[in-house]
Amino acid sequence: MAERAQYEELARELSAIGAVKRDLGRILPPDCPAGSAAVLHLLDRHGDMRMSRLAELLSVDMSVTSRHVAHVADRGWIEREPDPADGRSRILHLSAAGEEQLDELARRSSRLLADRLSDWSDDEVSRLVRLMSRLRESFGDCRSPRRAPATTDLITRTPA
């Protein structure tokens, strides 16, 4: 098992990931903020779904989900169709225009990552992808409450 100092350094590095996410956010098209991009990605990854399921996957309440869905629907990136099992509900479906928008988002993020990681080998990038996937899997469904660790010492501290 890793030593405490390694976990503290890992926590610092994970906090710094915010800079990477901000850089990725800056390349989004003006009409496609991060929330809209997340809706498109989730529909692409998980397929058609009700808005309640989307809210669950986004880890936000229904009012926030509603605003995101309205934004992408107004741009024609998704379609809202009646749920055959419950006419009061709608099923969200990624449209052809939404798929095109996702392709554009992928091009932009790939270009940025290729630029920033140009001095990395293919093996290093592959290893990073595997390790980040494994890290995410270790945390499981982050939307589910997890029991707090026995100690709270894992909070990052700046060395004195």
C-alpha atoms as a PDB file:
ATOM      1  CA  MET A   1       0.000   0.000   0.000  1.00  0.00           C
ATOM      2  CA  ALA A   2       1.223   3.493  -0.826  1.00  0.00           C
ATOM      3  CA  GLU A   3       2.467   5.774   1.915  1.00  0.00           C
ATOM      4  CA  ARG A   4       0.525   8.761   3.220  1.00  0.00           C
ATOM      5  CA  ALA A   5       2.874  11.207   1.467  1.00  0.00           C
ATOM      6  CA  GLN A   6       2.041   9.573  -1.881  1.00  0.00           C
ATOM      7  CA  TYR A   7      -1.691   9.958  -1.254  1.00  0.00           C
ATOM      8  CA  GLU A   8      -1.179  13.589  -0.254  1.00  0.00           C
ATOM      9  CA  GLU A   9       0.751  14.241  -3.467  1.00  0.00           C
ATOM     10  CA  LEU A  10      -1.930  12.449  -5.472  1.00  0.00           C
ATOM     11  CA  ALA A  11      -4.597  14.655  -3.866  1.00  0.00           C
ATOM     12  CA  ARG A  12      -2.607  17.770  -4.845  1.00  0.00           C
ATOM     13  CA  GLU A  13      -2.227  16.540  -8.416  1.00  0.00           C
ATOM     14  CA  LEU A  14      -5.919  15.709  -8.682  1.00  0.00           C
ATOM     15  CA  SER A  15      -6.768  19.211  -7.454  1.00  0.00           C
ATOM     16  CA  ALA A  16      -4.573  20.612 -10.215  1.00  0.00           C
ATOM     17  CA  ILE A  17      -6.629  18.684 -12.797  1.00  0.00           C
ATOM     18  CA  GLY A  18      -9.011  21.630 -12.560  1.00  0.00           C
ATOM     19  CA  ALA A  19      -6.605  23.597 -14.767  1.00  0.00           C
ATOM     20  CA  VAL A  20      -6.811  20.889 -17.426  1.00  0.00           C
ATOM     21  CA  LYS A  21     -10.618  20.893 -17.242  1.00  0.00           C
ATOM     22  CA  ARG A  22     -10.702  24.702 -17.508  1.00  0.00           C
ATOM     23  CA  ASP A  23      -8.464  24.561 -20.593  1.00  0.00           C
ATOM     24  CA  LEU A  24     -10.780  21.981 -22.151  1.00  0.00           C
ATOM     25  CA  GLY A  25     -13.763  24.192 -21.256  1.00  0.00           C
ATOM     26  CA  ARG A  26     -12.231  27.158 -23.073  1.00  0.00           C
ATOM     27  CA  ILE A  27     -12.278  25.330 -26.397  1.00  0.00           C
ATOM     28  CA  LEU A  28     -16.018  24.613 -26.281  1.00  0.00           C
ATOM     29  CA  PRO A  29     -18.040  26.452 -28.912  1.00  0.00           C
ATOM     30  CA  PRO A  30     -19.801  29.527 -27.470  1.00  0.00           C
ATOM     31  CA  ASP A  31     -23.232  27.934 -28.005  1.00  0.00           C
ATOM     32  CA  CYS A  32     -22.226  24.676 -26.292  1.00  0.00           C
ATOM     33  CA  PRO A  33     -21.323  25.236 -22.638  1.00  0.00           C
ATOM     34  CA  ALA A  34     -20.047  22.389 -20.471  1.00  0.00           C
ATOM     35  CA  GLY A  35     -23.524  21.361 -19.262  1.00  0.00           C
ATOM     36  CA  SER A  36     -24.766  21.017 -22.824  1.00  0.00           C
ATOM     37  CA  ALA A  37     -21.684  19.043 -23.814  1.00  0.00           C
ATOM     38  CA  ALA A  38     -22.270  16.726 -20.842  1.00  0.00           C
ATOM     39  CA  VAL A  39     -25.862  16.074 -21.951  1.00  0.00           C
ATOM     40  CA  LEU A  40     -24.691  15.170 -25.448  1.00  0.00           C
ATOM     41  CA  HIS A  41     -21.910  12.913 -24.162  1.00  0.00           C
ATOM     42  CA  LEU A  42     -24.232  11.076 -21.779  1.00  0.00           C
ATOM     43  CA  LEU A  43     -26.867  10.480 -24.444  1.00  0.00           C
ATOM     44  CA  ASP A  44     -24.165   9.231 -26.775  1.00  0.00           C
ATOM     45  CA  ARG A  45     -22.690   6.917 -24.133  1.00  0.00           C
ATOM     46  CA  HIS A  46     -25.906   5.613 -22.521  1.00  0.00           C
ATOM     47  CA  GLY A  47     -28.459   5.951 -25.328  1.00  0.00           C
ATOM     48  CA  ASP A  48     -32.003   7.279 -25.161  1.00  0.00           C
ATOM     49  CA  MET A  49     -33.283   8.048 -21.677  1.00  0.00           C
ATOM     50  CA  ARG A  50     -35.777   9.932 -19.576  1.00  0.00           C
ATOM     51  CA  MET A  51     -34.849  13.268 -18.113  1.00  0.00           C
ATOM     52  CA  SER A  52     -34.887  11.778 -14.598  1.00  0.00           C
ATOM     53  CA  ARG A  53     -32.142   9.331 -15.604  1.00  0.00           C
ATOM     54  CA  LEU A  54     -30.147  12.154 -17.196  1.00  0.00           C
ATOM     55  CA  ALA A  55     -30.425  14.199 -13.980  1.00  0.00           C
ATOM     56  CA  GLU A  56     -29.131  11.176 -12.080  1.00  0.00           C
ATOM     57  CA  LEU A  57     -26.157  10.779 -14.426  1.00  0.00           C
ATOM     58  CA  LEU A  58     -25.391  14.514 -14.328  1.00  0.00           C
ATOM     59  CA  SER A  59     -25.694  14.518 -10.518  1.00  0.00           C
ATOM     60  CA  VAL A  60     -27.843  17.641 -10.609  1.00  0.00           C
ATOM     61  CA  ASP A  61     -31.476  18.348  -9.797  1.00  0.00           C
ATOM     62  CA  MET A  62     -34.268  18.317 -12.353  1.00  0.00           C
ATOM     63  CA  SER A  63     -34.419  22.112 -12.717  1.00  0.00           C
ATOM     64  CA  VAL A  64     -30.760  22.247 -13.808  1.00  0.00           C
ATOM     65  CA  THR A  65     -31.263  19.247 -16.079  1.00  0.00           C
ATOM     66  CA  SER A  66     -34.317  20.941 -17.592  1.00  0.00           C
ATOM     67  CA  ARG A  67     -32.291  24.042 -18.477  1.00  0.00           C
ATOM     68  CA  HIS A  68     -29.541  21.938 -20.083  1.00  0.00           C
ATOM     69  CA  VAL A  69     -32.088  19.893 -22.043  1.00  0.00           C
ATOM     70  CA  ALA A  70     -33.936  23.015 -23.218  1.00  0.00           C
ATOM     71  CA  HIS A  71     -30.643  24.503 -24.421  1.00  0.00           C
ATOM     72  CA  VAL A  72     -29.621  21.473 -26.488  1.00  0.00           C
ATOM     73  CA  ALA A  73     -33.176  20.911 -27.759  1.00  0.00           C
ATOM     74  CA  ASP A  74     -33.427  24.543 -28.920  1.00  0.00           C
ATOM     75  CA  ARG A  75     -30.329  23.955 -31.035  1.00  0.00           C
ATOM     76  CA  GLY A  76     -31.730  20.758 -32.514  1.00  0.00           C
ATOM     77  CA  TRP A  77     -29.060  18.567 -30.914  1.00  0.00           C
ATOM     78  CA  ILE A  78     -31.587  16.308 -29.189  1.00  0.00           C
ATOM     79  CA  GLU A  79     -35.169  15.263 -29.771  1.00  0.00           C
ATOM     80  CA  ARG A  80     -37.773  14.820 -27.046  1.00  0.00           C
ATOM     81  CA  GLU A  81     -40.270  12.115 -27.892  1.00  0.00           C
ATOM     82  CA  PRO A  82     -43.208  10.819 -25.851  1.00  0.00           C
ATOM     83  CA  ASP A  83     -42.364   7.824 -23.691  1.00  0.00           C
ATOM     84  CA  PRO A  84     -44.494   4.910 -24.961  1.00  0.00           C
ATOM     85  CA  ALA A  85     -44.653   3.510 -21.415  1.00  0.00           C
ATOM     86  CA  ASP A  86     -45.811   6.826 -19.899  1.00  0.00           C
ATOM     87  CA  GLY A  87     -47.224   9.536 -22.163  1.00  0.00           C
ATOM     88  CA  ARG A  88     -46.494  12.216 -19.554  1.00  0.00           C
ATOM     89  CA  SER A  89     -42.741  11.581 -19.798  1.00  0.00           C
ATOM     90  CA  ARG A  90     -40.369  12.269 -22.641  1.00  0.00           C
ATOM     91  CA  ILE A  91     -37.513  10.174 -23.967  1.00  0.00           C
ATOM     92  CA  LEU A  92     -34.419  12.165 -24.920  1.00  0.00           C
ATOM     93  CA  HIS A  93     -32.699  11.111 -28.125  1.00  0.00           C
ATOM     94  CA  LEU A  94     -29.498  12.409 -29.703  1.00  0.00           C
ATOM     95  CA  SER A  95     -30.263  13.882 -33.149  1.00  0.00           C
ATOM     96  CA  ALA A  96     -28.049  13.863 -36.245  1.00  0.00           C
ATOM     97  CA  ALA A  97     -27.167  17.500 -35.487  1.00  0.00           C
ATOM     98  CA  GLY A  98     -26.234  16.431 -31.953  1.00  0.00           C
ATOM     99  CA  GLU A  99     -23.952  13.742 -33.334  1.00  0.00           C
ATOM    100  CA  GLU A 100     -22.293  16.370 -35.541  1.00  0.00           C
ATOM    101  CA  GLN A 101     -21.839  18.624 -32.512  1.00  0.00           C
ATOM    102  CA  LEU A 102     -20.258  15.721 -30.608  1.00  0.00           C
ATOM    103  CA  ASP A 103     -17.872  15.141 -33.515  1.00  0.00           C
ATOM    104  CA  GLU A 104     -16.864  18.805 -33.368  1.00  0.00           C
ATOM    105  CA  LEU A 105     -16.333  18.604 -29.598  1.00  0.00           C
ATOM    106  CA  ALA A 106     -14.182  15.488 -30.071  1.00  0.00           C
ATOM    107  CA  ARG A 107     -12.097  17.216 -32.764  1.00  0.00           C
ATOM    108  CA  ARG A 108     -11.497  20.237 -30.543  1.00  0.00           C
ATOM    109  CA  SER A 109     -10.568  18.242 -27.443  1.00  0.00           C
ATOM    110  CA  SER A 110      -8.375  15.840 -29.437  1.00  0.00           C
ATOM    111  CA  ARG A 111      -6.517  18.767 -30.987  1.00  0.00           C
ATOM    112  CA  LEU A 112      -5.930  20.404 -27.611  1.00  0.00           C
ATOM    113  CA  LEU A 113      -4.782  17.179 -25.963  1.00  0.00           C
ATOM    114  CA  ALA A 114      -2.529  16.308 -28.899  1.00  0.00           C
ATOM    115  CA  ASP A 115      -0.966  19.762 -28.627  1.00  0.00           C
ATOM    116  CA  ARG A 116      -0.496  19.672 -24.846  1.00  0.00           C
ATOM    117  CA  LEU A 117       0.776  16.080 -24.828  1.00  0.00           C
ATOM    118  CA  SER A 118       2.929  16.346 -27.954  1.00  0.00           C
ATOM    119  CA  ASP A 119       6.050  15.410 -25.985  1.00  0.00           C
ATOM    120  CA  TRP A 120       4.393  12.259 -24.568  1.00  0.00           C
ATOM    121  CA  SER A 121       4.872   8.870 -26.196  1.00  0.00           C
ATOM    122  CA  ASP A 122       1.877   6.843 -27.377  1.00  0.00           C
ATOM    123  CA  ASP A 123       2.622   4.405 -24.558  1.00  0.00           C
ATOM    124  CA  GLU A 124       2.530   7.178 -21.952  1.00  0.00           C
ATOM    125  CA  VAL A 125      -0.825   8.451 -23.224  1.00  0.00           C
ATOM    126  CA  SER A 126      -2.226   4.897 -23.234  1.00  0.00           C
ATOM    127  CA  ARG A 127      -0.951   4.320 -19.712  1.00  0.00           C
ATOM    128  CA  LEU A 128      -2.536   7.584 -18.523  1.00  0.00           C
ATOM    129  CA  VAL A 129      -5.882   6.578 -20.031  1.00  0.00           C
ATOM    130  CA  ARG A 130      -5.726   3.146 -18.351  1.00  0.00           C
ATOM    131  CA  LEU A 131      -4.748   4.598 -14.979  1.00  0.00           C
ATOM    132  CA  MET A 132      -7.390   7.322 -15.065  1.00  0.00           C
ATOM    133  CA  SER A 133     -10.037   4.745 -15.988  1.00  0.00           C
ATOM    134  CA  ARG A 134      -8.902   2.549 -13.143  1.00  0.00           C
ATOM    135  CA  LEU A 135      -8.948   5.496 -10.721  1.00  0.00           C
ATOM    136  CA  ARG A 136     -12.492   6.361 -11.751  1.00  0.00           C
ATOM    137  CA  GLU A 137     -13.572   2.717 -11.351  1.00  0.00           C
ATOM    138  CA  SER A 138     -12.013   2.623  -7.876  1.00  0.00           C
ATOM    139  CA  PHE A 139     -14.319   5.436  -6.842  1.00  0.00           C
ATOM    140  CA  GLY A 140     -17.329   3.666  -8.302  1.00  0.00           C
ATOM    141  CA  ASP A 141     -20.471   5.679  -8.794  1.00  0.00           C
ATOM    142  CA  CYS A 142     -19.445   8.997  -7.281  1.00  0.00           C
ATOM    143  CA  ARG A 143     -23.115   9.990  -7.079  1.00  0.00           C
ATOM    144  CA  SER A 144     -23.742   7.365  -4.379  1.00  0.00           C
ATOM    145  CA  PRO A 145     -22.902   8.366  -0.843  1.00  0.00           C
ATOM    146  CA  ARG A 146     -19.855   6.538   0.479  1.00  0.00           C
ATOM    147  CA  ARG A 147     -18.851   6.100   4.060  1.00  0.00           C
ATOM    148  CA  ALA A 148     -16.256   8.667   5.093  1.00  0.00           C
ATOM    149  CA  PRO A 149     -12.754   7.317   5.778  1.00  0.00           C
ATOM    150  CA  ALA A 150     -11.890   6.624   9.400  1.00  0.00           C
ATOM    151  CA  THR A 151      -9.551   9.597   9.426  1.00  0.00           C
ATOM    152  CA  THR A 152      -9.796  12.897   7.645  1.00  0.00           C
ATOM    153  CA  ASP A 153      -6.038  13.160   7.232  1.00  0.00           C
ATOM    154  CA  LEU A 154      -6.187  12.601   3.487  1.00  0.00           C
ATOM    155  CA  ILE A 155      -7.076  16.231   2.894  1.00  0.00           C
ATOM    156  CA  THR A 156      -4.209  17.860   1.043  1.00  0.00           C
ATOM    157  CA  ARG A 157      -1.932  19.944   3.184  1.00  0.00           C
ATOM    158  CA  THR A 158       0.721  22.259   1.961  1.00  0.00           C
ATOM    159  CA  PRO A 159       4.090  21.205   3.392  1.00  0.00           C
ATOM    160  CA  ALA A 160       5.378  23.624   6.008  1.00  0.00           C
END
